[in-house]
Amino acid sequence: MRKKIQWTPALRFYICKFLFRLALVLGIFGLYLYDRNLPSRLMNQPIREGINIVHVAWAVFMGLMILHLIPNKWLSMAWKKAGKEKFDMDGEFDERELWHYVKDQNVRAWVVLLVWLSFNALFGILYLAGILRESDLLMLTVFYFLCDYICILFFCPFQTFIMKNKCCINCRIYDWGHFMMFTPMLFIRNFYSWSLFFTSIVVLIHWEIRYARYPERFWERSNKTIRCANCKERTCQIKKKLACKE
């Protein structure tokens, strides 16, 4: 029998953020159904003509990505584990096992990258062929915005089928989220779209540099902080298959 869910502050917070994102996505989708070209017109509207919801969303997204580049207390342990202050080293870990783990995770990460780029290339081709419009790619990004929290709370195909990590706290590619979210923006020639995409690349590179320099901080056998027994967030509890066993 499955254990009763422990409603930790982090889990409650993530559920609230998921519901907020869901409401926002449904609202934007409603506007999209009302006028398919409205999102594109808003994105291309100069600020001198007035600030609209797309401008506000751009500022929010840029702010969130900047938060992922500087140490702060607002992010999950899945992000903070890369920092020195959250590293609680287990002196008994085997370095050969660590490097075997790093090699395995890197190969899996490359598979995720190839799958993701191949999948989104299809939408890029449809856009370049004139079948999809700018607004369609914007809605795809909005959908990815919601999927980010679906992966955290309910089900992550990359975690289940490729990475095989137990939870987001142990995730090798945790900070790839913004890059994945804004991949469709690469195909739209616009300041707002390209600034979001290329800033997400900076976030991804920042994460990869930290992983390359300090891989021991990302492995539960060398970092006690990210072991299930020491986890205070427990946002993985709704994921039945991958919930940690005590």
C-alpha atoms as a PDB file:
ATOM      1  CA  MET A   1       0.000   0.000   0.000  1.00  0.00           C
ATOM      2  CA  ARG A   2       1.274   3.419  -0.929  1.00  0.00           C
ATOM      3  CA  LYS A   3       2.161   5.825   1.855  1.00  0.00           C
ATOM      4  CA  LYS A   4      -0.039   8.819   2.520  1.00  0.00           C
ATOM      5  CA  ILE A   5       1.228  11.994   0.861  1.00  0.00           C
ATOM      6  CA  GLN A   6       3.110  14.320   3.190  1.00  0.00           C
ATOM      7  CA  TRP A   7       2.056  17.835   2.249  1.00  0.00           C
ATOM      8  CA  THR A   8       5.360  19.582   2.724  1.00  0.00           C
ATOM      9  CA  PRO A   9       5.555  23.379   2.232  1.00  0.00           C
ATOM     10  CA  ALA A  10       7.481  22.817  -1.011  1.00  0.00           C
ATOM     11  CA  LEU A  11       4.879  20.396  -2.380  1.00  0.00           C
ATOM     12  CA  ARG A  12       2.026  22.770  -1.507  1.00  0.00           C
ATOM     13  CA  PHE A  13       3.903  25.650  -3.127  1.00  0.00           C
ATOM     14  CA  TYR A  14       4.517  23.672  -6.306  1.00  0.00           C
ATOM     15  CA  ILE A  15       0.875  22.598  -6.498  1.00  0.00           C
ATOM     16  CA  CYS A  16      -0.193  26.244  -6.178  1.00  0.00           C
ATOM     17  CA  LYS A  17       2.248  27.268  -8.900  1.00  0.00           C
ATOM     18  CA  PHE A  18       0.978  24.464 -11.137  1.00  0.00           C
ATOM     19  CA  LEU A  19      -2.642  25.598 -10.685  1.00  0.00           C
ATOM     20  CA  PHE A  20      -1.606  29.188 -11.427  1.00  0.00           C
ATOM     21  CA  ARG A  21       0.170  28.106 -14.597  1.00  0.00           C
ATOM     22  CA  LEU A  22      -2.804  25.971 -15.610  1.00  0.00           C
ATOM     23  CA  ALA A  23      -5.205  28.912 -15.203  1.00  0.00           C
ATOM     24  CA  LEU A  24      -2.849  31.190 -17.146  1.00  0.00           C
ATOM     25  CA  VAL A  25      -2.420  28.699 -19.977  1.00  0.00           C
ATOM     26  CA  LEU A  26      -6.176  28.145 -20.245  1.00  0.00           C
ATOM     27  CA  GLY A  27      -6.738  31.905 -20.349  1.00  0.00           C
ATOM     28  CA  ILE A  28      -4.156  32.408 -23.106  1.00  0.00           C
ATOM     29  CA  PHE A  29      -5.527  29.431 -25.007  1.00  0.00           C
ATOM     30  CA  GLY A  30      -8.982  30.997 -24.827  1.00  0.00           C
ATOM     31  CA  LEU A  31      -7.621  34.179 -26.426  1.00  0.00           C
ATOM     32  CA  TYR A  32      -5.852  32.079 -29.048  1.00  0.00           C
ATOM     33  CA  LEU A  33      -9.107  30.314 -29.943  1.00  0.00           C
ATOM     34  CA  TYR A  34     -10.885  33.669 -30.141  1.00  0.00           C
ATOM     35  CA  ASP A  35      -8.245  35.180 -32.430  1.00  0.00           C
ATOM     36  CA  ARG A  36      -5.428  32.926 -33.625  1.00  0.00           C
ATOM     37  CA  ASN A  37      -3.188  35.862 -34.568  1.00  0.00           C
ATOM     38  CA  LEU A  38      -3.630  37.843 -31.341  1.00  0.00           C
ATOM     39  CA  PRO A  39      -0.555  36.408 -29.510  1.00  0.00           C
ATOM     40  CA  SER A  40       1.647  37.242 -32.498  1.00  0.00           C
ATOM     41  CA  ARG A  41       0.310  40.801 -32.755  1.00  0.00           C
ATOM     42  CA  LEU A  42       0.921  41.361 -29.060  1.00  0.00           C
ATOM     43  CA  MET A  43       4.488  40.048 -29.334  1.00  0.00           C
ATOM     44  CA  ASN A  44       5.266  42.342 -32.242  1.00  0.00           C
ATOM     45  CA  GLN A  45       3.680  45.426 -30.687  1.00  0.00           C
ATOM     46  CA  PRO A  46       6.349  48.060 -29.844  1.00  0.00           C
ATOM     47  CA  ILE A  47       6.511  49.103 -26.184  1.00  0.00           C
ATOM     48  CA  ARG A  48       6.026  52.742 -27.217  1.00  0.00           C
ATOM     49  CA  GLU A  49       2.486  51.779 -28.241  1.00  0.00           C
ATOM     50  CA  GLY A  50       1.782  50.424 -24.762  1.00  0.00           C
ATOM     51  CA  ILE A  51       2.769  47.539 -22.515  1.00  0.00           C
ATOM     52  CA  ASN A  52       0.750  44.362 -23.037  1.00  0.00           C
ATOM     53  CA  ILE A  53       0.623  40.921 -21.415  1.00  0.00           C
ATOM     54  CA  VAL A  54       3.368  39.531 -23.686  1.00  0.00           C
ATOM     55  CA  HIS A  55       5.766  42.267 -22.538  1.00  0.00           C
ATOM     56  CA  VAL A  56       4.951  41.469 -18.915  1.00  0.00           C
ATOM     57  CA  ALA A  57       5.427  37.731 -19.504  1.00  0.00           C
ATOM     58  CA  TRP A  58       8.788  38.417 -21.176  1.00  0.00           C
ATOM     59  CA  ALA A  59       9.958  40.435 -18.148  1.00  0.00           C
ATOM     60  CA  VAL A  60       8.820  37.680 -15.760  1.00  0.00           C
ATOM     61  CA  PHE A  61      10.588  34.954 -17.743  1.00  0.00           C
ATOM     62  CA  MET A  62      13.789  36.964 -17.989  1.00  0.00           C
ATOM     63  CA  GLY A  63      13.674  37.604 -14.244  1.00  0.00           C
ATOM     64  CA  LEU A  64      13.200  33.912 -13.504  1.00  0.00           C
ATOM     65  CA  MET A  65      16.135  32.957 -15.692  1.00  0.00           C
ATOM     66  CA  ILE A  66      18.357  35.544 -14.022  1.00  0.00           C
ATOM     67  CA  LEU A  67      17.427  33.957 -10.677  1.00  0.00           C
ATOM     68  CA  HIS A  68      18.840  30.700 -12.025  1.00  0.00           C
ATOM     69  CA  LEU A  69      22.188  32.367 -12.630  1.00  0.00           C
ATOM     70  CA  ILE A  70      22.739  33.762  -9.138  1.00  0.00           C
ATOM     71  CA  PRO A  71      22.698  32.074  -5.699  1.00  0.00           C
ATOM     72  CA  ASN A  72      19.349  32.579  -3.976  1.00  0.00           C
ATOM     73  CA  LYS A  73      17.080  30.851  -1.472  1.00  0.00           C
ATOM     74  CA  TRP A  74      13.947  30.815  -3.625  1.00  0.00           C
ATOM     75  CA  LEU A  75      14.843  27.877  -5.850  1.00  0.00           C
ATOM     76  CA  SER A  76      14.481  24.161  -5.228  1.00  0.00           C
ATOM     77  CA  MET A  77      17.183  21.932  -3.803  1.00  0.00           C
ATOM     78  CA  ALA A  78      17.294  20.432  -7.293  1.00  0.00           C
ATOM     79  CA  TRP A  79      19.035  23.671  -8.305  1.00  0.00           C
ATOM     80  CA  LYS A  80      20.779  24.501  -5.019  1.00  0.00           C
ATOM     81  CA  LYS A  81      22.538  21.130  -4.864  1.00  0.00           C
ATOM     82  CA  ALA A  82      25.123  22.457  -7.316  1.00  0.00           C
ATOM     83  CA  GLY A  83      26.295  25.029  -4.760  1.00  0.00           C
ATOM     84  CA  LYS A  84      29.116  24.509  -2.278  1.00  0.00           C
ATOM     85  CA  GLU A  85      26.952  25.455   0.707  1.00  0.00           C
ATOM     86  CA  LYS A  86      24.568  22.511   0.086  1.00  0.00           C
ATOM     87  CA  PHE A  87      27.274  19.917  -0.474  1.00  0.00           C
ATOM     88  CA  ASP A  88      27.489  17.417   2.395  1.00  0.00           C
ATOM     89  CA  MET A  89      30.176  15.020   1.206  1.00  0.00           C
ATOM     90  CA  ASP A  90      30.139  11.340   2.015  1.00  0.00           C
ATOM     91  CA  GLY A  91      33.830  10.544   2.398  1.00  0.00           C
ATOM     92  CA  GLU A  92      33.269   6.862   1.657  1.00  0.00           C
ATOM     93  CA  PHE A  93      32.108   7.211  -1.948  1.00  0.00           C
ATOM     94  CA  ASP A  94      34.083   5.495  -4.715  1.00  0.00           C
ATOM     95  CA  GLU A  95      35.455   7.974  -7.269  1.00  0.00           C
ATOM     96  CA  ARG A  96      35.458   5.310  -9.974  1.00  0.00           C
ATOM     97  CA  GLU A  97      31.737   4.814  -9.417  1.00  0.00           C
ATOM     98  CA  LEU A  98      31.255   8.565  -9.548  1.00  0.00           C
ATOM     99  CA  TRP A  99      32.918   8.855 -12.958  1.00  0.00           C
ATOM    100  CA  HIS A 100      30.965   5.852 -14.227  1.00  0.00           C
ATOM    101  CA  TYR A 101      27.780   7.611 -13.067  1.00  0.00           C
ATOM    102  CA  VAL A 102      28.851  10.873 -14.742  1.00  0.00           C
ATOM    103  CA  LYS A 103      29.568   9.092 -18.025  1.00  0.00           C
ATOM    104  CA  ASP A 104      26.228   7.304 -17.958  1.00  0.00           C
ATOM    105  CA  GLN A 105      24.294  10.489 -17.137  1.00  0.00           C
ATOM    106  CA  ASN A 106      26.090  12.454 -19.841  1.00  0.00           C
ATOM    107  CA  VAL A 107      25.161   9.864 -22.470  1.00  0.00           C
ATOM    108  CA  ARG A 108      21.546   9.961 -21.310  1.00  0.00           C
ATOM    109  CA  ALA A 109      21.581  13.770 -21.379  1.00  0.00           C
ATOM    110  CA  TRP A 110      22.787  13.714 -24.983  1.00  0.00           C
ATOM    111  CA  VAL A 111      19.924  11.374 -25.863  1.00  0.00           C
ATOM    112  CA  VAL A 112      17.442  13.790 -24.272  1.00  0.00           C
ATOM    113  CA  LEU A 113      18.949  16.685 -26.212  1.00  0.00           C
ATOM    114  CA  LEU A 114      18.760  14.839 -29.533  1.00  0.00           C
ATOM    115  CA  VAL A 115      15.172  13.718 -28.871  1.00  0.00           C
ATOM    116  CA  TRP A 116      14.103  17.222 -27.888  1.00  0.00           C
ATOM    117  CA  LEU A 117      15.756  18.971 -30.828  1.00  0.00           C
ATOM    118  CA  SER A 118      14.428  16.394 -33.301  1.00  0.00           C
ATOM    119  CA  PHE A 119      10.908  16.702 -31.897  1.00  0.00           C
ATOM    120  CA  ASN A 120      10.920  20.510 -32.072  1.00  0.00           C
ATOM    121  CA  ALA A 121      12.559  20.536 -35.487  1.00  0.00           C
ATOM    122  CA  LEU A 122       9.266  19.177 -36.819  1.00  0.00           C
ATOM    123  CA  PHE A 123       7.449  22.296 -35.597  1.00  0.00           C
ATOM    124  CA  GLY A 124      10.216  24.471 -37.029  1.00  0.00           C
ATOM    125  CA  ILE A 125       9.851  22.830 -40.437  1.00  0.00           C
ATOM    126  CA  LEU A 126       6.065  23.267 -40.355  1.00  0.00           C
ATOM    127  CA  TYR A 127       6.551  26.944 -39.451  1.00  0.00           C
ATOM    128  CA  LEU A 128       9.076  27.551 -42.232  1.00  0.00           C
ATOM    129  CA  ALA A 129       6.714  25.792 -44.651  1.00  0.00           C
ATOM    130  CA  GLY A 130       3.961  28.226 -43.728  1.00  0.00           C
ATOM    131  CA  ILE A 131       1.721  25.608 -42.123  1.00  0.00           C
ATOM    132  CA  LEU A 132       2.209  26.950 -38.595  1.00  0.00           C
ATOM    133  CA  ARG A 133       2.176  30.632 -37.630  1.00  0.00           C
ATOM    134  CA  GLU A 134       4.066  32.619 -35.016  1.00  0.00           C
ATOM    135  CA  SER A 135       1.059  32.375 -32.704  1.00  0.00           C
ATOM    136  CA  ASP A 136       1.159  28.572 -32.957  1.00  0.00           C
ATOM    137  CA  LEU A 137       4.793  28.510 -31.795  1.00  0.00           C
ATOM    138  CA  LEU A 138       3.915  30.911 -28.989  1.00  0.00           C
ATOM    139  CA  MET A 139       1.139  28.563 -27.861  1.00  0.00           C
ATOM    140  CA  LEU A 140       3.598  25.664 -28.019  1.00  0.00           C
ATOM    141  CA  THR A 141       5.886  27.592 -25.675  1.00  0.00           C
ATOM    142  CA  VAL A 142       2.940  28.299 -23.369  1.00  0.00           C
ATOM    143  CA  PHE A 143       2.146  24.568 -23.368  1.00  0.00           C
ATOM    144  CA  TYR A 144       5.779  23.763 -22.473  1.00  0.00           C
ATOM    145  CA  PHE A 145       5.467  26.337 -19.675  1.00  0.00           C
ATOM    146  CA  LEU A 146       2.767  24.136 -18.122  1.00  0.00           C
ATOM    147  CA  CYS A 147       4.554  20.871 -18.933  1.00  0.00           C
ATOM    148  CA  ASP A 148       7.507  22.020 -16.818  1.00  0.00           C
ATOM    149  CA  TYR A 149       5.417  21.533 -13.676  1.00  0.00           C
ATOM    150  CA  ILE A 150       3.647  18.458 -14.982  1.00  0.00           C
ATOM    151  CA  CYS A 151       7.100  16.879 -15.194  1.00  0.00           C
ATOM    152  CA  ILE A 152       7.993  17.992 -11.671  1.00  0.00           C
ATOM    153  CA  LEU A 153       4.782  16.862  -9.983  1.00  0.00           C
ATOM    154  CA  PHE A 154       3.079  14.155 -12.018  1.00  0.00           C
ATOM    155  CA  PHE A 155       5.000  12.546 -14.846  1.00  0.00           C
ATOM    156  CA  CYS A 156       8.235  13.265 -16.696  1.00  0.00           C
ATOM    157  CA  PRO A 157       8.897  11.187 -19.835  1.00  0.00           C
ATOM    158  CA  PHE A 158      12.586  12.096 -19.831  1.00  0.00           C
ATOM    159  CA  GLN A 159      12.961  10.968 -16.238  1.00  0.00           C
ATOM    160  CA  THR A 160      11.010   7.751 -16.761  1.00  0.00           C
ATOM    161  CA  PHE A 161      12.307   6.593 -20.126  1.00  0.00           C
ATOM    162  CA  ILE A 162      15.780   8.117 -20.495  1.00  0.00           C
ATOM    163  CA  MET A 163      17.442   9.649 -17.439  1.00  0.00           C
ATOM    164  CA  LYS A 164      16.141   7.068 -14.913  1.00  0.00           C
ATOM    165  CA  ASN A 165      16.730   9.428 -11.950  1.00  0.00           C
ATOM    166  CA  LYS A 166      14.541   9.024  -8.874  1.00  0.00           C
ATOM    167  CA  CYS A 167      13.306  12.601  -8.621  1.00  0.00           C
ATOM    168  CA  CYS A 168      13.972  16.209  -9.595  1.00  0.00           C
ATOM    169  CA  ILE A 169      16.376  16.633  -6.682  1.00  0.00           C
ATOM    170  CA  ASN A 170      18.634  14.044  -8.318  1.00  0.00           C
ATOM    171  CA  CYS A 171      18.016  15.240 -11.870  1.00  0.00           C
ATOM    172  CA  ARG A 172      21.083  15.700 -14.095  1.00  0.00           C
ATOM    173  CA  ILE A 173      19.197  18.003 -16.488  1.00  0.00           C
ATOM    174  CA  TYR A 174      17.038  19.906 -14.001  1.00  0.00           C
ATOM    175  CA  ASP A 175      18.070  23.357 -15.215  1.00  0.00           C
ATOM    176  CA  TRP A 176      17.388  22.539 -18.851  1.00  0.00           C
ATOM    177  CA  GLY A 177      13.778  23.591 -18.287  1.00  0.00           C
ATOM    178  CA  HIS A 178      14.012  27.103 -19.691  1.00  0.00           C
ATOM    179  CA  PHE A 179      15.949  25.932 -22.736  1.00  0.00           C
ATOM    180  CA  MET A 180      13.253  23.355 -23.444  1.00  0.00           C
ATOM    181  CA  MET A 181      10.469  25.850 -22.801  1.00  0.00           C
ATOM    182  CA  PHE A 182      11.826  28.450 -25.197  1.00  0.00           C
ATOM    183  CA  THR A 183      13.086  26.176 -27.980  1.00  0.00           C
ATOM    184  CA  PRO A 184      10.171  27.157 -30.293  1.00  0.00           C
ATOM    185  CA  MET A 185      11.201  30.809 -29.911  1.00  0.00           C
ATOM    186  CA  LEU A 186      14.326  30.138 -31.977  1.00  0.00           C
ATOM    187  CA  PHE A 187      12.248  30.072 -35.149  1.00  0.00           C
ATOM    188  CA  ILE A 188      10.619  33.496 -34.603  1.00  0.00           C
ATOM    189  CA  ARG A 189      12.664  36.529 -35.640  1.00  0.00           C
ATOM    190  CA  ASN A 190      11.794  38.885 -32.845  1.00  0.00           C
ATOM    191  CA  PHE A 191      13.681  40.585 -29.996  1.00  0.00           C
ATOM    192  CA  TYR A 192      11.461  39.054 -27.335  1.00  0.00           C
ATOM    193  CA  SER A 193      11.609  35.520 -28.732  1.00  0.00           C
ATOM    194  CA  TRP A 194      15.346  35.447 -29.430  1.00  0.00           C
ATOM    195  CA  SER A 195      16.272  37.142 -26.143  1.00  0.00           C
ATOM    196  CA  LEU A 196      14.345  34.459 -24.251  1.00  0.00           C
ATOM    197  CA  PHE A 197      15.875  31.604 -26.236  1.00  0.00           C
ATOM    198  CA  PHE A 198      19.474  32.790 -26.055  1.00  0.00           C
ATOM    199  CA  THR A 199      19.202  33.668 -22.359  1.00  0.00           C
ATOM    200  CA  SER A 200      17.944  30.120 -21.773  1.00  0.00           C
ATOM    201  CA  ILE A 201      21.107  28.907 -23.541  1.00  0.00           C
ATOM    202  CA  VAL A 202      23.168  30.930 -21.042  1.00  0.00           C
ATOM    203  CA  VAL A 203      21.274  29.253 -18.164  1.00  0.00           C
ATOM    204  CA  LEU A 204      21.900  25.830 -19.692  1.00  0.00           C
ATOM    205  CA  ILE A 205      25.633  26.498 -20.181  1.00  0.00           C
ATOM    206  CA  HIS A 206      25.906  27.820 -16.618  1.00  0.00           C
ATOM    207  CA  TRP A 207      24.361  24.586 -15.347  1.00  0.00           C
ATOM    208  CA  GLU A 208      26.610  22.395 -17.502  1.00  0.00           C
ATOM    209  CA  ILE A 209      29.741  24.178 -16.319  1.00  0.00           C
ATOM    210  CA  ARG A 210      28.756  23.573 -12.690  1.00  0.00           C
ATOM    211  CA  TYR A 211      28.044  19.918 -13.426  1.00  0.00           C
ATOM    212  CA  ALA A 212      31.371  19.464 -15.209  1.00  0.00           C
ATOM    213  CA  ARG A 213      33.316  21.125 -12.380  1.00  0.00           C
ATOM    214  CA  TYR A 214      31.523  19.549  -9.419  1.00  0.00           C
ATOM    215  CA  PRO A 215      29.862  16.251 -10.472  1.00  0.00           C
ATOM    216  CA  GLU A 216      30.112  14.934  -6.910  1.00  0.00           C
ATOM    217  CA  ARG A 217      27.471  17.451  -5.844  1.00  0.00           C
ATOM    218  CA  PHE A 218      24.947  15.891  -8.240  1.00  0.00           C
ATOM    219  CA  TRP A 219      25.291  12.263  -7.086  1.00  0.00           C
ATOM    220  CA  GLU A 220      23.441  11.044  -4.019  1.00  0.00           C
ATOM    221  CA  ARG A 221      26.223   8.615  -3.033  1.00  0.00           C
ATOM    222  CA  SER A 222      28.699  11.464  -2.686  1.00  0.00           C
ATOM    223  CA  ASN A 223      26.305  14.220  -1.577  1.00  0.00           C
ATOM    224  CA  LYS A 224      24.213  13.327   1.461  1.00  0.00           C
ATOM    225  CA  THR A 225      22.003  16.388   1.008  1.00  0.00           C
ATOM    226  CA  ILE A 226      20.166  14.970  -1.997  1.00  0.00           C
ATOM    227  CA  ARG A 227      19.385  11.560  -0.506  1.00  0.00           C
ATOM    228  CA  CYS A 228      15.732  10.686   0.030  1.00  0.00           C
ATOM    229  CA  ALA A 229      16.181  10.422   3.786  1.00  0.00           C
ATOM    230  CA  ASN A 230      17.407  14.021   3.949  1.00  0.00           C
ATOM    231  CA  CYS A 231      14.890  15.529   1.538  1.00  0.00           C
ATOM    232  CA  LYS A 232      12.585  18.163   3.004  1.00  0.00           C
ATOM    233  CA  GLU A 233      10.765  19.059  -0.210  1.00  0.00           C
ATOM    234  CA  ARG A 234       9.351  15.663  -1.252  1.00  0.00           C
ATOM    235  CA  THR A 235       7.771  16.965  -4.424  1.00  0.00           C
ATOM    236  CA  CYS A 236       8.094  13.491  -5.973  1.00  0.00           C
ATOM    237  CA  GLN A 237       5.320  11.884  -3.895  1.00  0.00           C
ATOM    238  CA  ILE A 238       2.611  12.063  -6.544  1.00  0.00           C
ATOM    239  CA  LYS A 239       4.810  10.212  -9.030  1.00  0.00           C
ATOM    240  CA  LYS A 240       3.821   6.667  -8.110  1.00  0.00           C
ATOM    241  CA  LYS A 241       6.512   4.751  -9.984  1.00  0.00           C
ATOM    242  CA  LEU A 242       9.434   6.945  -9.007  1.00  0.00           C
ATOM    243  CA  ALA A 243       8.562   7.916  -5.439  1.00  0.00           C
ATOM    244  CA  CYS A 244      11.525   7.386  -3.120  1.00  0.00           C
ATOM    245  CA  LYS A 245      11.467   4.330  -0.885  1.00  0.00           C
ATOM    246  CA  GLU A 246      12.617   4.869   2.676  1.00  0.00           C
END
